[in-house]
Amino acid sequence: MKTTFTARHFEASADLQQYCRDSVEKLEQFYDRIVMCDIILEPTPDDDAPQQAELVVKVPRKVLTAKESATSYEQAVHNAIEVVSRQLKRYKEKMNATN
């Protein structure tokens, strides 16, 4: 799986980038044919949840996305990973049902 990391309007630390990449790699336990994953982090004007994480996961014949906001980038990434993992499970079930 190819992974790209984008930090919009701020400079992401090496630790934050590594945390994001490690978290995304865990998605492969739900579906092993993930082609590519884009991680996009950016601040938002919302005072309650000022950090936003967006995941764009490309699998054969489909693109799964999740956009979550939280008080920290780590929490936002964690929430987005949970959303995408549910989408991957559903996608995998559909693929197995059609085969």
Protein backbone atom coordinates (compact mmCIF):
# COMPACT_ATOMS: atom_id res chain seq x y z
CA MET A 1 0.00 0.00 0.00
CA LYS A 2 1.29 3.43 -0.97
CA THR A 3 0.76 6.13 1.66
CA THR A 4 0.93 9.89 1.18
CA PHE A 5 0.91 12.41 4.03
CA THR A 6 -0.20 16.03 3.75
CA ALA A 7 -0.23 18.65 6.50
CA ARG A 8 -2.14 21.76 5.41
CA HIS A 9 -1.35 25.14 6.98
CA PHE A 10 0.99 23.75 9.62
CA GLU A 11 4.25 21.82 9.96
CA ALA A 12 3.66 18.25 11.17
CA SER A 13 6.21 16.72 13.51
CA ALA A 14 8.00 13.51 12.55
CA ASP A 15 6.27 11.75 15.46
CA LEU A 16 2.83 12.78 14.20
CA GLN A 17 3.64 11.63 10.66
CA GLN A 18 4.90 8.27 11.96
CA TYR A 19 1.82 7.84 14.16
CA CYS A 20 -0.44 8.44 11.13
CA ARG A 21 1.46 6.03 8.89
CA ASP A 22 1.51 3.30 11.57
CA SER A 23 -2.22 3.73 12.20
CA VAL A 24 -3.07 3.47 8.51
CA GLU A 25 -0.96 0.32 8.13
CA LYS A 26 -3.28 -1.40 10.61
CA LEU A 27 -6.11 -1.05 8.07
CA GLU A 28 -4.50 -3.86 6.07
CA GLN A 29 -5.65 -6.35 8.69
CA PHE A 30 -9.24 -5.65 7.57
CA TYR A 31 -8.55 -5.74 3.83
CA ASP A 32 -5.20 -6.64 2.30
CA ARG A 33 -5.74 -5.22 -1.21
CA ILE A 34 -5.65 -1.53 -0.35
CA VAL A 35 -3.98 0.26 -3.27
CA MET A 36 -3.29 3.67 -1.76
CA CYS A 37 -4.06 5.82 1.27
CA ASP A 38 -3.91 9.62 1.53
CA ILE A 39 -3.66 11.17 4.99
CA ILE A 40 -4.61 14.86 5.11
CA LEU A 41 -4.35 16.84 8.34
CA GLU A 42 -5.47 20.44 8.69
CA PRO A 43 -6.57 22.87 11.38
CA THR A 44 -10.23 23.96 11.44
CA PRO A 45 -11.83 27.15 12.78
CA ASP A 46 -13.98 25.08 15.22
CA ASP A 47 -12.97 25.80 18.83
CA ASP A 48 -14.30 22.49 20.19
CA ALA A 49 -12.50 20.29 17.64
CA PRO A 50 -9.72 22.40 16.05
CA GLN A 51 -7.86 19.52 14.35
CA GLN A 52 -9.19 17.60 11.36
CA ALA A 53 -7.96 14.38 9.77
CA GLU A 54 -9.12 13.09 6.41
CA LEU A 55 -8.36 9.63 5.06
CA VAL A 56 -8.82 8.73 1.41
CA VAL A 57 -8.39 4.98 0.93
CA LYS A 58 -8.34 3.57 -2.59
CA VAL A 59 -9.29 -0.08 -3.07
CA PRO A 60 -10.11 -1.85 -6.34
CA ARG A 61 -13.19 -0.22 -7.95
CA LYS A 62 -13.91 2.07 -4.97
CA VAL A 63 -12.62 5.04 -2.96
CA LEU A 64 -13.42 5.17 0.76
CA THR A 65 -13.19 8.47 2.64
CA ALA A 66 -13.52 9.62 6.23
CA LYS A 67 -13.18 13.11 7.66
CA GLU A 68 -13.09 13.49 11.43
CA SER A 69 -12.38 16.41 13.76
CA ALA A 70 -11.11 16.23 17.34
CA THR A 71 -9.10 18.13 19.94
CA SER A 72 -5.83 16.52 18.75
CA TYR A 73 -4.62 15.21 15.40
CA GLU A 74 -3.96 11.79 16.95
CA GLN A 75 -7.57 11.51 18.13
CA ALA A 76 -8.91 12.73 14.77
CA VAL A 77 -6.79 10.13 12.92
CA HIS A 78 -7.94 7.41 15.33
CA ASN A 79 -11.61 8.29 14.73
CA ALA A 80 -11.12 8.38 10.95
CA ILE A 81 -9.36 4.99 11.05
CA GLU A 82 -12.38 3.51 12.87
CA VAL A 83 -14.77 4.88 10.24
CA VAL A 84 -12.66 3.57 7.34
CA SER A 85 -12.21 0.16 9.00
CA ARG A 86 -16.02 -0.21 9.16
CA GLN A 87 -16.25 0.81 5.49
CA LEU A 88 -13.54 -1.70 4.58
CA LYS A 89 -15.34 -4.53 6.38
CA ARG A 90 -18.57 -3.68 4.56
CA TYR A 91 -16.73 -3.45 1.21
CA LYS A 92 -15.02 -6.79 1.81
CA GLU A 93 -18.35 -8.47 2.63
CA LYS A 94 -19.86 -7.10 -0.60
CA MET A 95 -16.89 -8.30 -2.64
CA ASN A 96 -17.09 -11.78 -1.08
CA ALA A 97 -20.85 -11.91 -1.66
CA THR A 98 -20.50 -11.14 -5.39
CA ASN A 99 -17.72 -13.69 -5.96
